[in-house]
Structure formats: structure tokens, C-alpha cells
């Protein structure tokens, strides 16, 4: 049981490291808070919550994997190496793809509700 508890400690240590050292992780964390607040405010459905949580999770996971790959690349290739640069670029590209998915998901879920809210207020 101690090993299981310790493994969770390592996992949370990794999340804290990503939050403390990666600006983009903090930006994605702020976007997560905004998305959750918007979902609560706009009273989105369970199905919509599912899509929003999938999008949030995908972005956070890819951002953390990007951080891990960048650290590993820096460790194994401290000098400039074009292939190391490609690894970092591809990893960053994965985050962009996930973030675009999240933006599209947010637009599909939130825009119709926001438009309705604006039209109702006008």
C-alpha cells in the first residue's frame, strides 16, 4: 500500500513541476478554470460536460507529455541536434492539435448558449 501512495506522490510532484516551470501549462490550467466556470454558468448538459472534460484532459496530458519529452531530449542531447529539435517540435505540435480540438469543442458547446444569452439580454 505504501508503494501505491508513494506513486501518487510522485505523480503529484510531476504535476507541481509542470505547473511551476511551464508557462503554457499554467495558461492551460487557467483556461480549464474558465471552461469549468463557463460550463457551470451556462448550465451545460452531461454530454457537453463529457466533451469539455475530454478536451481539457487531452490538452493537459499532451502538455505534460510535451514537457517530459523536452526534458528527456535536453538530457540526452544537451548540444544542438536537428533531430532533437524535431522531437521537440513534433511534441509541441501535438499540444497545438489538442488545443485546437479544445477550442473547437468549446466553440460548439459554448457559442450557441452565449449567443442565446446575448440575444435574450438584448
PDB file of N, CA and C in Angstrom:
ATOM      1  N   UNK A   1       0.822  -1.198   0.000  1.00  0.00           N
ATOM      2  CA  UNK A   1       0.000   0.000   0.000  1.00  0.00           C
ATOM      3  C   UNK A   1       0.867   1.265   0.000  1.00  0.00           C
ATOM      4  N   UNK A   2       2.013   1.189   0.686  1.00  0.00           N
ATOM      5  CA  UNK A   2       2.905   2.348   0.730  1.00  0.00           C
ATOM      6  C   UNK A   2       3.406   2.705  -0.667  1.00  0.00           C
ATOM      7  N   UNK A   3       3.666   1.675  -1.494  1.00  0.00           N
ATOM      8  CA  UNK A   3       4.140   1.930  -2.856  1.00  0.00           C
ATOM      9  C   UNK A   3       3.095   2.673  -3.678  1.00  0.00           C
ATOM     10  N   UNK A   4       1.843   2.300  -3.504  1.00  0.00           N
ATOM     11  CA  UNK A   4       0.757   2.954  -4.239  1.00  0.00           C
ATOM     12  C   UNK A   4       0.654   4.417  -3.824  1.00  0.00           C
ATOM     13  N   UNK A   5       0.671   4.658  -2.531  1.00  0.00           N
ATOM     14  CA  UNK A   5       0.600   6.032  -2.022  1.00  0.00           C
ATOM     15  C   UNK A   5       1.803   6.840  -2.500  1.00  0.00           C
ATOM     16  N   UNK A   6       2.980   6.226  -2.457  1.00  0.00           N
ATOM     17  CA  UNK A   6       4.196   6.906  -2.906  1.00  0.00           C
ATOM     18  C   UNK A   6       4.105   7.234  -4.401  1.00  0.00           C
ATOM     19  N   UNK A   7       3.535   6.315  -5.194  1.00  0.00           N
ATOM     20  CA  UNK A   7       3.434   6.566  -6.636  1.00  0.00           C
ATOM     21  C   UNK A   7       2.519   7.756  -6.926  1.00  0.00           C
ATOM     22  N   UNK A   8       1.445   7.907  -6.139  1.00  0.00           N
ATOM     23  CA  UNK A   8       0.603   9.088  -6.293  1.00  0.00           C
ATOM     24  C   UNK A   8       1.376  10.353  -5.928  1.00  0.00           C
ATOM     25  N   UNK A   9       2.215  10.256  -4.912  1.00  0.00           N
ATOM     26  CA  UNK A   9       3.051  11.395  -4.526  1.00  0.00           C
ATOM     27  C   UNK A   9       3.961  11.823  -5.661  1.00  0.00           C
ATOM     28  N   UNK A  10       4.562  10.841  -6.353  1.00  0.00           N
ATOM     29  CA  UNK A  10       5.422  11.160  -7.497  1.00  0.00           C
ATOM     30  C   UNK A  10       4.617  11.808  -8.618  1.00  0.00           C
ATOM     31  N   UNK A  11       3.416  11.301  -8.828  1.00  0.00           N
ATOM     32  CA  UNK A  11       2.564  11.860  -9.883  1.00  0.00           C
ATOM     33  C   UNK A  11       2.224  13.322  -9.593  1.00  0.00           C
ATOM     34  N   UNK A  12       1.829  13.598  -8.356  1.00  0.00           N
ATOM     35  CA  UNK A  12       1.500  14.981  -7.992  1.00  0.00           C
ATOM     36  C   UNK A  12       2.740  15.873  -8.013  1.00  0.00           C
ATOM     37  N   UNK A  13       3.887  15.297  -7.710  1.00  0.00           N
ATOM     38  CA  UNK A  13       5.147  16.036  -7.807  1.00  0.00           C
ATOM     39  C   UNK A  13       5.391  16.447  -9.259  1.00  0.00           C
ATOM     40  N   UNK A  14       5.083  15.551 -10.190  1.00  0.00           N
ATOM     41  CA  UNK A  14       5.222  15.866 -11.613  1.00  0.00           C
ATOM     42  C   UNK A  14       4.273  16.964 -12.054  1.00  0.00           C
ATOM     43  N   UNK A  15       3.046  16.910 -11.564  1.00  0.00           N
ATOM     44  CA  UNK A  15       2.070  17.958 -11.903  1.00  0.00           C
ATOM     45  C   UNK A  15       2.530  19.295 -11.340  1.00  0.00           C
ATOM     46  N   UNK A  16       3.010  19.288 -10.102  1.00  0.00           N
ATOM     47  CA  UNK A  16       3.521  20.537  -9.489  1.00  0.00           C
ATOM     48  C   UNK A  16       4.705  21.077 -10.291  1.00  0.00           C
ATOM     49  N   UNK A  17       5.599  20.176 -10.732  1.00  0.00           N
ATOM     50  CA  UNK A  17       6.760  20.605 -11.526  1.00  0.00           C
ATOM     51  C   UNK A  17       6.290  21.269 -12.822  1.00  0.00           C
ATOM     52  N   UNK A  18       5.355  20.636 -13.508  1.00  0.00           N
ATOM     53  CA  UNK A  18       4.854  21.201 -14.765  1.00  0.00           C
ATOM     54  C   UNK A  18       4.223  22.568 -14.524  1.00  0.00           C
ATOM     55  N   UNK A  19       3.436  22.673 -13.457  1.00  0.00           N
ATOM     56  CA  UNK A  19       2.785  23.954 -13.156  1.00  0.00           C
ATOM     57  C   UNK A  19       3.812  25.029 -12.805  1.00  0.00           C
ATOM     58  N   UNK A  20       4.829  24.659 -12.045  1.00  0.00           N
ATOM     59  CA  UNK A  20       5.821  25.638 -11.585  1.00  0.00           C
ATOM     60  C   UNK A  20       6.771  26.089 -12.688  1.00  0.00           C
ATOM     61  N   UNK A  21       7.015  25.234 -13.669  1.00  0.00           N
ATOM     62  CA  UNK A  21       8.070  25.540 -14.637  1.00  0.00           C
ATOM     63  C   UNK A  21       7.581  25.844 -16.051  1.00  0.00           C
ATOM     64  N   UNK A  22       6.333  25.517 -16.347  1.00  0.00           N
ATOM     65  CA  UNK A  22       5.856  25.641 -17.724  1.00  0.00           C
ATOM     66  C   UNK A  22       4.752  26.684 -17.838  1.00  0.00           C
ATOM     67  N   UNK A  23       5.050  27.783 -18.486  1.00  0.00           N
ATOM     68  CA  UNK A  23       4.067  28.852 -18.678  1.00  0.00           C
ATOM     69  C   UNK A  23       2.829  28.323 -19.398  1.00  0.00           C
ATOM     70  N   UNK A  24       3.031  27.536 -20.441  1.00  0.00           N
ATOM     71  CA  UNK A  24       1.879  27.034 -21.188  1.00  0.00           C
ATOM     72  C   UNK A  24       0.984  26.144 -20.330  1.00  0.00           C
ATOM     73  N   UNK A  25       1.575  25.393 -19.404  1.00  0.00           N
ATOM     74  CA  UNK A  25       0.769  24.567 -18.504  1.00  0.00           C
ATOM     75  C   UNK A  25      -0.095  25.458 -17.618  1.00  0.00           C
ATOM     76  N   UNK A  26       0.464  26.550 -17.156  1.00  0.00           N
ATOM     77  CA  UNK A  26      -0.318  27.487 -16.334  1.00  0.00           C
ATOM     78  C   UNK A  26      -1.425  28.144 -17.165  1.00  0.00           C
ATOM     79  N   UNK A  27      -1.132  28.453 -18.419  1.00  0.00           N
ATOM     80  CA  UNK A  27      -2.150  29.032 -19.302  1.00  0.00           C
ATOM     81  C   UNK A  27      -3.279  28.029 -19.517  1.00  0.00           C
ATOM     82  N   UNK A  28      -2.916  26.773 -19.784  1.00  0.00           N
ATOM     83  CA  UNK A  28      -3.943  25.741 -19.975  1.00  0.00           C
ATOM     84  C   UNK A  28      -4.735  25.510 -18.689  1.00  0.00           C
ATOM     85  N   UNK A  29      -4.075  25.631 -17.553  1.00  0.00           N
ATOM     86  CA  UNK A  29      -4.775  25.490 -16.270  1.00  0.00           C
ATOM     87  C   UNK A  29      -5.785  26.615 -16.078  1.00  0.00           C
ATOM     88  N   UNK A  30      -5.397  27.822 -16.445  1.00  0.00           N
ATOM     89  CA  UNK A  30      -6.320  28.960 -16.358  1.00  0.00           C
ATOM     90  C   UNK A  30      -7.488  28.764 -17.319  1.00  0.00           C
ATOM     91  N   UNK A  31      -7.210  28.276 -18.520  1.00  0.00           N
ATOM     92  CA  UNK A  31      -8.281  28.011 -19.486  1.00  0.00           C
ATOM     93  C   UNK A  31      -9.228  26.936 -18.948  1.00  0.00           C
ATOM     94  N   UNK A  32      -8.683  25.972 -18.214  1.00  0.00           N
ATOM     95  CA  UNK A  32      -9.511  24.937 -17.592  1.00  0.00           C
ATOM     96  C   UNK A  32     -10.483  25.553 -16.594  1.00  0.00           C
ATOM     97  N   UNK A  33      -9.972  26.433 -15.754  1.00  0.00           N
ATOM     98  CA  UNK A  33     -10.826  27.098 -14.761  1.00  0.00           C
ATOM     99  C   UNK A  33     -11.922  27.907 -15.463  1.00  0.00           C
ATOM    100  N   UNK A  34     -11.560  28.610 -16.518  1.00  0.00           N
ATOM    101  CA  UNK A  34     -12.534  29.411 -17.269  1.00  0.00           C
ATOM    102  C   UNK A  34     -13.591  28.510 -17.906  1.00  0.00           C
ATOM    103  N   UNK A  35     -13.166  27.390 -18.488  1.00  0.00           N
ATOM    104  CA  UNK A  35     -14.109  26.469 -19.128  1.00  0.00           C
ATOM    105  C   UNK A  35     -15.068  25.868 -18.110  1.00  0.00           C
ATOM    106  N   UNK A  36     -14.548  25.501 -16.950  1.00  0.00           N
ATOM    107  CA  UNK A  36     -15.413  24.944 -15.906  1.00  0.00           C
ATOM    108  C   UNK A  36     -16.411  25.998 -15.415  1.00  0.00           C
ATOM    109  N   UNK A  37     -15.925  27.213 -15.212  1.00  0.00           N
ATOM    110  CA  UNK A  37     -16.813  28.295 -14.776  1.00  0.00           C
ATOM    111  C   UNK A  37     -17.881  28.565 -15.831  1.00  0.00           C
ATOM    112  N   UNK A  38     -17.493  28.585 -17.097  1.00  0.00           N
ATOM    113  CA  UNK A  38     -18.458  28.816 -18.174  1.00  0.00           C
ATOM    114  C   UNK A  38     -19.484  27.690 -18.228  1.00  0.00           C
ATOM    115  N   UNK A  39     -19.014  26.459 -18.050  1.00  0.00           N
ATOM    116  CA  UNK A  39     -19.934  25.322 -18.049  1.00  0.00           C
ATOM    117  C   UNK A  39     -20.943  25.410 -16.931  1.00  0.00           C
ATOM    118  N   UNK A  40     -20.485  25.817 -15.756  1.00  0.00           N
ATOM    119  CA  UNK A  40     -21.396  25.975 -14.616  1.00  0.00           C
ATOM    120  C   UNK A  40     -22.371  27.125 -14.849  1.00  0.00           C
ATOM    121  N   UNK A  41     -21.852  28.239 -15.337  1.00  0.00           N
ATOM    122  CA  UNK A  41     -22.677  29.419 -15.570  1.00  0.00           C
ATOM    123  C   UNK A  41     -23.733  29.161 -16.644  1.00  0.00           C
ATOM    124  N   UNK A  42     -23.331  28.458 -17.704  1.00  0.00           N
ATOM    125  CA  UNK A  42     -24.245  28.217 -18.822  1.00  0.00           C
ATOM    126  C   UNK A  42     -25.051  26.932 -18.662  1.00  0.00           C
ATOM    127  N   UNK A  43     -24.833  26.240 -17.542  1.00  0.00           N
ATOM    128  CA  UNK A  43     -25.597  25.034 -17.225  1.00  0.00           C
ATOM    129  C   UNK A  43     -25.580  24.028 -18.378  1.00  0.00           C
ATOM    130  N   UNK A  44     -24.383  23.641 -18.814  1.00  0.00           N
ATOM    131  CA  UNK A  44     -24.272  22.716 -19.940  1.00  0.00           C
ATOM    132  C   UNK A  44     -24.720  21.313 -19.522  1.00  0.00           C
ATOM    133  N   UNK A  45     -25.091  20.529 -20.506  1.00  0.00           N
ATOM    134  CA  UNK A  45     -25.629  19.186 -20.261  1.00  0.00           C
ATOM    135  C   UNK A  45     -24.508  18.210 -19.887  1.00  0.00           C
ATOM    136  N   UNK A  46     -24.899  17.032 -19.450  1.00  0.00           N
ATOM    137  CA  UNK A  46     -23.914  15.992 -19.099  1.00  0.00           C
ATOM    138  C   UNK A  46     -23.071  15.609 -20.311  1.00  0.00           C
ATOM    139  N   UNK A  47     -23.701  15.497 -21.463  1.00  0.00           N
ATOM    140  CA  UNK A  47     -22.952  15.157 -22.680  1.00  0.00           C
ATOM    141  C   UNK A  47     -21.941  16.265 -23.034  1.00  0.00           C
ATOM    142  N   UNK A  48     -22.364  17.506 -22.856  1.00  0.00           N
ATOM    143  CA  UNK A  48     -21.457  18.626 -23.127  1.00  0.00           C
ATOM    144  C   UNK A  48     -20.303  18.634 -22.124  1.00  0.00           C
ATOM    145  N   UNK A  49     -20.603  18.320 -20.854  1.00  0.00           N
ATOM    146  CA  UNK A  49     -19.535  18.223 -19.847  1.00  0.00           C
ATOM    147  C   UNK A  49     -18.524  17.153 -20.254  1.00  0.00           C
ATOM    148  N   UNK A  50     -19.038  16.060 -20.787  1.00  0.00           N
ATOM    149  CA  UNK A  50     -18.137  14.991 -21.213  1.00  0.00           C
ATOM    150  C   UNK A  50     -17.164  15.489 -22.274  1.00  0.00           C
ATOM    151  N   UNK A  51     -17.678  16.187 -23.269  1.00  0.00           N
ATOM    152  CA  UNK A  51     -16.800  16.720 -24.324  1.00  0.00           C
ATOM    153  C   UNK A  51     -15.802  17.736 -23.767  1.00  0.00           C
ATOM    154  N   UNK A  52     -16.269  18.606 -22.885  1.00  0.00           N
ATOM    155  CA  UNK A  52     -15.374  19.611 -22.295  1.00  0.00           C
ATOM    156  C   UNK A  52     -14.275  18.929 -21.475  1.00  0.00           C
ATOM    157  N   UNK A  53     -14.637  17.931 -20.676  1.00  0.00           N
ATOM    158  CA  UNK A  53     -13.617  17.250 -19.863  1.00  0.00           C
ATOM    159  C   UNK A  53     -12.647  16.453 -20.726  1.00  0.00           C
ATOM    160  N   UNK A  54     -13.131  15.866 -21.815  1.00  0.00           N
ATOM    161  CA  UNK A  54     -12.221  15.179 -22.741  1.00  0.00           C
ATOM    162  C   UNK A  54     -11.222  16.175 -23.332  1.00  0.00           C
ATOM    163  N   UNK A  55     -11.721  17.332 -23.746  1.00  0.00           N
ATOM    164  CA  UNK A  55     -10.845  18.344 -24.337  1.00  0.00           C
ATOM    165  C   UNK A  55      -9.816  18.846 -23.323  1.00  0.00           C
ATOM    166  N   UNK A  56     -10.267  19.132 -22.106  1.00  0.00           N
ATOM    167  CA  UNK A  56      -9.355  19.607 -21.059  1.00  0.00           C
ATOM    168  C   UNK A  56      -8.294  18.551 -20.771  1.00  0.00           C
ATOM    169  N   UNK A  57      -8.739  17.315 -20.589  1.00  0.00           N
ATOM    170  CA  UNK A  57      -7.809  16.231 -20.265  1.00  0.00           C
ATOM    171  C   UNK A  57      -6.794  16.031 -21.376  1.00  0.00           C
ATOM    172  N   UNK A  58      -7.253  16.059 -22.611  1.00  0.00           N
ATOM    173  CA  UNK A  58      -6.344  15.876 -23.751  1.00  0.00           C
ATOM    174  C   UNK A  58      -5.269  16.962 -23.782  1.00  0.00           C
ATOM    175  N   UNK A  59      -5.662  18.194 -23.552  1.00  0.00           N
ATOM    176  CA  UNK A  59      -4.691  19.296 -23.568  1.00  0.00           C
ATOM    177  C   UNK A  59      -3.691  19.162 -22.414  1.00  0.00           C
ATOM    178  N   UNK A  60      -4.176  18.880 -21.214  1.00  0.00           N
ATOM    179  CA  UNK A  60      -3.290  18.764 -20.054  1.00  0.00           C
ATOM    180  C   UNK A  60      -2.315  17.593 -20.238  1.00  0.00           C
ATOM    181  N   UNK A  61      -2.827  16.457 -20.707  1.00  0.00           N
ATOM    182  CA  UNK A  61      -1.958  15.300 -20.922  1.00  0.00           C
ATOM    183  C   UNK A  61      -0.897  15.603 -21.974  1.00  0.00           C
ATOM    184  N   UNK A  62      -1.299  16.177 -23.106  1.00  0.00           N
ATOM    185  CA  UNK A  62      -0.307  16.451 -24.147  1.00  0.00           C
ATOM    186  C   UNK A  62       0.703  17.497 -23.678  1.00  0.00           C
ATOM    187  N   UNK A  63       0.262  18.472 -22.914  1.00  0.00           N
ATOM    188  CA  UNK A  63       1.198  19.476 -22.396  1.00  0.00           C
ATOM    189  C   UNK A  63       2.221  18.833 -21.460  1.00  0.00           C
ATOM    190  N   UNK A  64       1.771  17.928 -20.606  1.00  0.00           N
ATOM    191  CA  UNK A  64       2.696  17.265 -19.684  1.00  0.00           C
ATOM    192  C   UNK A  64       3.632  16.318 -20.433  1.00  0.00           C
ATOM    193  N   UNK A  65       3.127  15.600 -21.435  1.00  0.00           N
ATOM    194  CA  UNK A  65       3.998  14.735 -22.235  1.00  0.00           C
ATOM    195  C   UNK A  65       5.012  15.568 -23.023  1.00  0.00           C
ATOM    196  N   UNK A  66       4.577  16.720 -23.506  1.00  0.00           N
ATOM    197  CA  UNK A  66       5.490  17.629 -24.189  1.00  0.00           C
ATOM    198  C   UNK A  66       6.616  18.063 -23.249  1.00  0.00           C
ATOM    199  N   UNK A  67       6.261  18.408 -22.028  1.00  0.00           N
ATOM    200  CA  UNK A  67       7.262  18.803 -21.034  1.00  0.00           C
ATOM    201  C   UNK A  67       8.226  17.654 -20.768  1.00  0.00           C
ATOM    202  N   UNK A  68       7.691  16.449 -20.602  1.00  0.00           N
ATOM    203  CA  UNK A  68       8.539  15.285 -20.338  1.00  0.00           C
ATOM    204  C   UNK A  68       9.479  15.008 -21.511  1.00  0.00           C
ATOM    205  N   UNK A  69       8.965  15.093 -22.731  1.00  0.00           N
ATOM    206  CA  UNK A  69       9.810  14.855 -23.904  1.00  0.00           C
ATOM    207  C   UNK A  69      10.880  15.934 -24.061  1.00  0.00           C
ATOM    208  N   UNK A  70      10.527  17.165 -23.771  1.00  0.00           N
ATOM    209  CA  UNK A  70      11.529  18.239 -23.841  1.00  0.00           C
ATOM    210  C   UNK A  70      12.641  18.016 -22.820  1.00  0.00           C
ATOM    211  N   UNK A  71      12.271  17.641 -21.596  1.00  0.00           N
ATOM    212  CA  UNK A  71      13.284  17.370 -20.567  1.00  0.00           C
ATOM    213  C   UNK A  71      14.172  16.199 -20.958  1.00  0.00           C
ATOM    214  N   UNK A  72      13.556  15.136 -21.439  1.00  0.00           N
ATOM    215  CA  UNK A  72      14.319  13.962 -21.844  1.00  0.00           C
ATOM    216  C   UNK A  72      15.235  14.276 -23.028  1.00  0.00           C
ATOM    217  N   UNK A  73      14.727  15.061 -23.959  1.00  0.00           N
ATOM    218  CA  UNK A  73      15.537  15.453 -25.115  1.00  0.00           C
ATOM    219  C   UNK A  73      16.726  16.300 -24.677  1.00  0.00           C
ATOM    220  N   UNK A  74      16.495  17.239 -23.775  1.00  0.00           N
ATOM    221  CA  UNK A  74      17.590  18.065 -23.264  1.00  0.00           C
ATOM    222  C   UNK A  74      18.621  17.224 -22.519  1.00  0.00           C
ATOM    223  N   UNK A  75      18.153  16.210 -21.803  1.00  0.00           N
ATOM    224  CA  UNK A  75      19.051  15.338 -21.057  1.00  0.00           C
ATOM    225  C   UNK A  75      19.916  14.495 -21.985  1.00  0.00           C
ATOM    226  N   UNK A  76      19.297  13.947 -23.024  1.00  0.00           N
ATOM    227  CA  UNK A  76      20.026  13.032 -23.909  1.00  0.00           C
ATOM    228  C   UNK A  76      20.791  13.750 -25.006  1.00  0.00           C
ATOM    229  N   UNK A  77      20.415  14.987 -25.294  1.00  0.00           N
ATOM    230  CA  UNK A  77      21.078  15.734 -26.359  1.00  0.00           C
ATOM    231  C   UNK A  77      21.298  17.177 -25.914  1.00  0.00           C
ATOM    232  N   UNK A  78      22.261  17.399 -24.982  1.00  0.00           N
ATOM    233  CA  UNK A  78      22.467  18.766 -24.473  1.00  0.00           C
ATOM    234  C   UNK A  78      22.977  19.739 -25.538  1.00  0.00           C
ATOM    235  N   UNK A  79      23.710  19.227 -26.512  1.00  0.00           N
ATOM    236  CA  UNK A  79      24.154  20.096 -27.604  1.00  0.00           C
ATOM    237  C   UNK A  79      23.074  20.113 -28.674  1.00  0.00           C
ATOM    238  N   UNK A  80      23.143  21.135 -29.531  1.00  0.00           N
ATOM    239  CA  UNK A  80      22.145  21.235 -30.596  1.00  0.00           C
ATOM    240  C   UNK A  80      22.225  20.016 -31.506  1.00  0.00           C
ATOM    241  N   UNK A  81      21.078  19.470 -31.794  1.00  0.00           N
ATOM    242  CA  UNK A  81      20.960  18.358 -32.714  1.00  0.00           C
ATOM    243  C   UNK A  81      19.652  18.544 -33.464  1.00  0.00           C
ATOM    244  N   UNK A  82      19.700  18.554 -34.797  1.00  0.00           N
ATOM    245  CA  UNK A  82      18.462  18.786 -35.552  1.00  0.00           C
ATOM    246  C   UNK A  82      17.358  17.770 -35.217  1.00  0.00           C
ATOM    247  N   UNK A  83      17.728  16.518 -34.979  1.00  0.00           N
ATOM    248  CA  UNK A  83      16.724  15.508 -34.662  1.00  0.00           C
ATOM    249  C   UNK A  83      16.095  15.784 -33.288  1.00  0.00           C
ATOM    250  N   UNK A  84      16.896  16.254 -32.356  1.00  0.00           N
ATOM    251  CA  UNK A  84      16.353  16.629 -31.044  1.00  0.00           C
ATOM    252  C   UNK A  84      15.365  17.780 -31.209  1.00  0.00           C
ATOM    253  N   UNK A  85      15.688  18.712 -32.080  1.00  0.00           N
ATOM    254  CA  UNK A  85      14.783  19.826 -32.360  1.00  0.00           C
ATOM    255  C   UNK A  85      13.480  19.340 -32.974  1.00  0.00           C
ATOM    256  N   UNK A  86      13.573  18.346 -33.863  1.00  0.00           N
ATOM    257  CA  UNK A  86      12.357  17.787 -34.467  1.00  0.00           C
ATOM    258  C   UNK A  86      11.479  17.113 -33.414  1.00  0.00           C
ATOM    259  N   UNK A  87      12.113  16.403 -32.471  1.00  0.00           N
ATOM    260  CA  UNK A  87      11.352  15.760 -31.394  1.00  0.00           C
ATOM    261  C   UNK A  87      10.570  16.817 -30.617  1.00  0.00           C
ATOM    262  N   UNK A  88      11.242  17.907 -30.277  1.00  0.00           N
ATOM    263  CA  UNK A  88      10.568  18.975 -29.520  1.00  0.00           C
ATOM    264  C   UNK A  88       9.458  19.629 -30.345  1.00  0.00           C
ATOM    265  N   UNK A  89       9.731  19.857 -31.626  1.00  0.00           N
ATOM    266  CA  UNK A  89       8.732  20.485 -32.492  1.00  0.00           C
ATOM    267  C   UNK A  89       7.497  19.600 -32.658  1.00  0.00           C
ATOM    268  N   UNK A  90       7.715  18.315 -32.864  1.00  0.00           N
ATOM    269  CA  UNK A  90       6.594  17.385 -33.023  1.00  0.00           C
ATOM    270  C   UNK A  90       5.780  17.323 -31.743  1.00  0.00           C
ATOM    271  N   UNK A  91       6.474  17.260 -30.625  1.00  0.00           N
ATOM    272  CA  UNK A  91       5.798  17.225 -29.328  1.00  0.00           C
ATOM    273  C   UNK A  91       4.960  18.484 -29.117  1.00  0.00           C
ATOM    274  N   UNK A  92       5.511  19.630 -29.439  1.00  0.00           N
ATOM    275  CA  UNK A  92       4.767  20.887 -29.321  1.00  0.00           C
ATOM    276  C   UNK A  92       3.593  20.899 -30.291  1.00  0.00           C
ATOM    277  N   UNK A  93       3.772  20.324 -31.460  1.00  0.00           N
ATOM    278  CA  UNK A  93       2.684  20.226 -32.432  1.00  0.00           C
ATOM    279  C   UNK A  93       1.513  19.418 -31.897  1.00  0.00           C
ATOM    280  N   UNK A  94       1.819  18.370 -31.137  1.00  0.00           N
ATOM    281  CA  UNK A  94       0.754  17.571 -30.512  1.00  0.00           C
ATOM    282  C   UNK A  94      -0.091  18.433 -29.579  1.00  0.00           C
ATOM    283  N   UNK A  95       0.570  19.311 -28.834  1.00  0.00           N
ATOM    284  CA  UNK A  95      -0.158  20.196 -27.921  1.00  0.00           C
ATOM    285  C   UNK A  95      -1.047  21.145 -28.719  1.00  0.00           C
ATOM    286  N   UNK A  96      -0.535  21.661 -29.810  1.00  0.00           N
ATOM    287  CA  UNK A  96      -1.329  22.581 -30.637  1.00  0.00           C
ATOM    288  C   UNK A  96      -2.570  21.875 -31.179  1.00  0.00           C
ATOM    289  N   UNK A  97      -2.402  20.645 -31.658  1.00  0.00           N
ATOM    290  CA  UNK A  97      -3.546  19.891 -32.176  1.00  0.00           C
ATOM    291  C   UNK A  97      -4.598  19.693 -31.074  1.00  0.00           C
ATOM    292  N   UNK A  98      -4.140  19.320 -29.883  1.00  0.00           N
ATOM    293  CA  UNK A  98      -5.066  19.136 -28.756  1.00  0.00           C
ATOM    294  C   UNK A  98      -5.748  20.453 -28.396  1.00  0.00           C
ATOM    295  N   UNK A  99      -4.997  21.538 -28.403  1.00  0.00           N
ATOM    296  CA  UNK A  99      -5.565  22.845 -28.056  1.00  0.00           C
ATOM    297  C   UNK A  99      -6.589  23.297 -29.099  1.00  0.00           C
ATOM    298  N   UNK A 100      -6.328  23.035 -30.363  1.00  0.00           N
ATOM    299  CA  UNK A 100      -7.293  23.383 -31.415  1.00  0.00           C
ATOM    300  C   UNK A 100      -8.568  22.551 -31.233  1.00  0.00           C
ATOM    301  N   UNK A 101      -8.401  21.268 -30.930  1.00  0.00           N
ATOM    302  CA  UNK A 101      -9.568  20.419 -30.635  1.00  0.00           C
ATOM    303  C   UNK A 101     -10.371  21.010 -29.477  1.00  0.00           C
ATOM    304  N   UNK A 102      -9.670  21.439 -28.430  1.00  0.00           N
ATOM    305  CA  UNK A 102     -10.342  22.025 -27.267  1.00  0.00           C
ATOM    306  C   UNK A 102     -11.077  23.308 -27.637  1.00  0.00           C
ATOM    307  N   UNK A 103     -10.463  24.132 -28.465  1.00  0.00           N
ATOM    308  CA  UNK A 103     -11.114  25.377 -28.898  1.00  0.00           C
ATOM    309  C   UNK A 103     -12.370  25.096 -29.720  1.00  0.00           C
ATOM    310  N   UNK A 104     -12.274  24.139 -30.621  1.00  0.00           N
ATOM    311  CA  UNK A 104     -13.438  23.782 -31.438  1.00  0.00           C
ATOM    312  C   UNK A 104     -14.544  23.218 -30.547  1.00  0.00           C
ATOM    313  N   UNK A 105     -14.159  22.356 -29.610  1.00  0.00           N
ATOM    314  CA  UNK A 105     -15.136  21.787 -28.678  1.00  0.00           C
ATOM    315  C   UNK A 105     -15.807  22.886 -27.875  1.00  0.00           C
ATOM    316  N   UNK A 106     -15.016  23.818 -27.358  1.00  0.00           N
ATOM    317  CA  UNK A 106     -15.571  24.934 -26.586  1.00  0.00           C
ATOM    318  C   UNK A 106     -16.507  25.777 -27.447  1.00  0.00           C
ATOM    319  N   UNK A 107     -16.133  26.005 -28.677  1.00  0.00           N
ATOM    320  CA  UNK A 107     -16.991  26.798 -29.566  1.00  0.00           C
ATOM    321  C   UNK A 107     -18.319  26.091 -29.817  1.00  0.00           C
ATOM    322  N   UNK A 108     -18.279  24.793 -30.068  1.00  0.00           N
ATOM    323  CA  UNK A 108     -19.503  24.033 -30.328  1.00  0.00           C
ATOM    324  C   UNK A 108     -20.405  24.022 -29.099  1.00  0.00           C
ATOM    325  N   UNK A 109     -19.819  23.882 -27.924  1.00  0.00           N
ATOM    326  CA  UNK A 109     -20.607  23.793 -26.696  1.00  0.00           C
ATOM    327  C   UNK A 109     -21.079  25.167 -26.222  1.00  0.00           C
ATOM    328  N   UNK A 110     -20.161  26.136 -26.188  1.00  0.00           N
ATOM    329  CA  UNK A 110     -20.478  27.415 -25.538  1.00  0.00           C
ATOM    330  C   UNK A 110     -21.079  28.477 -26.453  1.00  0.00           C
ATOM    331  N   UNK A 111     -20.661  28.552 -27.699  1.00  0.00           N
ATOM    332  CA  UNK A 111     -21.135  29.645 -28.563  1.00  0.00           C
ATOM    333  C   UNK A 111     -22.650  29.692 -28.710  1.00  0.00           C
ATOM    334  N   UNK A 112     -23.320  28.579 -28.992  1.00  0.00           N
ATOM    335  CA  UNK A 112     -24.782  28.677 -29.117  1.00  0.00           C
ATOM    336  C   UNK A 112     -25.447  29.192 -27.830  1.00  0.00           C
ATOM    337  N   UNK A 113     -24.958  28.775 -26.695  1.00  0.00           N
ATOM    338  CA  UNK A 113     -25.527  29.219 -25.417  1.00  0.00           C
ATOM    339  C   UNK A 113     -25.224  30.700 -25.175  1.00  0.00           C
ATOM    340  N   UNK A 114     -24.020  31.136 -25.532  1.00  0.00           N
ATOM    341  CA  UNK A 114     -23.667  32.547 -25.367  1.00  0.00           C
ATOM    342  C   UNK A 114     -24.483  33.428 -26.315  1.00  0.00           C
ATOM    343  N   UNK A 115     -24.672  32.978 -27.526  1.00  0.00           N
ATOM    344  CA  UNK A 115     -25.474  33.742 -28.489  1.00  0.00           C
ATOM    345  C   UNK A 115     -26.918  33.864 -27.995  1.00  0.00           C
ATOM    346  N   UNK A 116     -27.458  32.769 -27.491  1.00  0.00           N
ATOM    347  CA  UNK A 116     -28.805  32.786 -26.922  1.00  0.00           C
ATOM    348  C   UNK A 116     -28.883  33.759 -25.751  1.00  0.00           C
ATOM    349  N   UNK A 117     -27.874  33.740 -24.895  1.00  0.00           N
ATOM    350  CA  UNK A 117     -27.834  34.617 -23.730  1.00  0.00           C
ATOM    351  C   UNK A 117     -27.760  36.079 -24.151  1.00  0.00           C
ATOM    352  N   UNK A 118     -26.937  36.377 -25.147  1.00  0.00           N
ATOM    353  CA  UNK A 118     -26.790  37.758 -25.640  1.00  0.00           C
ATOM    354  C   UNK A 118     -28.102  38.221 -26.288  1.00  0.00           C
ATOM    355  N   UNK A 119     -28.686  37.354 -27.111  1.00  0.00           N
ATOM    356  CA  UNK A 119     -29.956  37.725 -27.783  1.00  0.00           C
ATOM    357  C   UNK A 119     -31.076  37.920 -26.761  1.00  0.00           C
ATOM    358  N   UNK A 120     -31.075  37.113 -25.717  1.00  0.00           N
ATOM    359  CA  UNK A 120     -32.100  37.227 -24.680  1.00  0.00           C
ATOM    360  C   UNK A 120     -31.931  38.531 -23.877  1.00  0.00           C
ATOM    361  N   UNK A 121     -30.689  38.937 -23.686  1.00  0.00           N
ATOM    362  CA  UNK A 121     -30.401  40.152 -22.910  1.00  0.00           C
ATOM    363  C   UNK A 121     -30.717  41.395 -23.732  1.00  0.00           C
ATOM    364  N   UNK A 122     -30.636  41.281 -25.058  1.00  0.00           N
ATOM    365  CA  UNK A 122     -30.828  42.459 -25.927  1.00  0.00           C
ATOM    366  C   UNK A 122     -32.257  42.828 -26.131  1.00  0.00           C
TER     367      UNK A 122
END
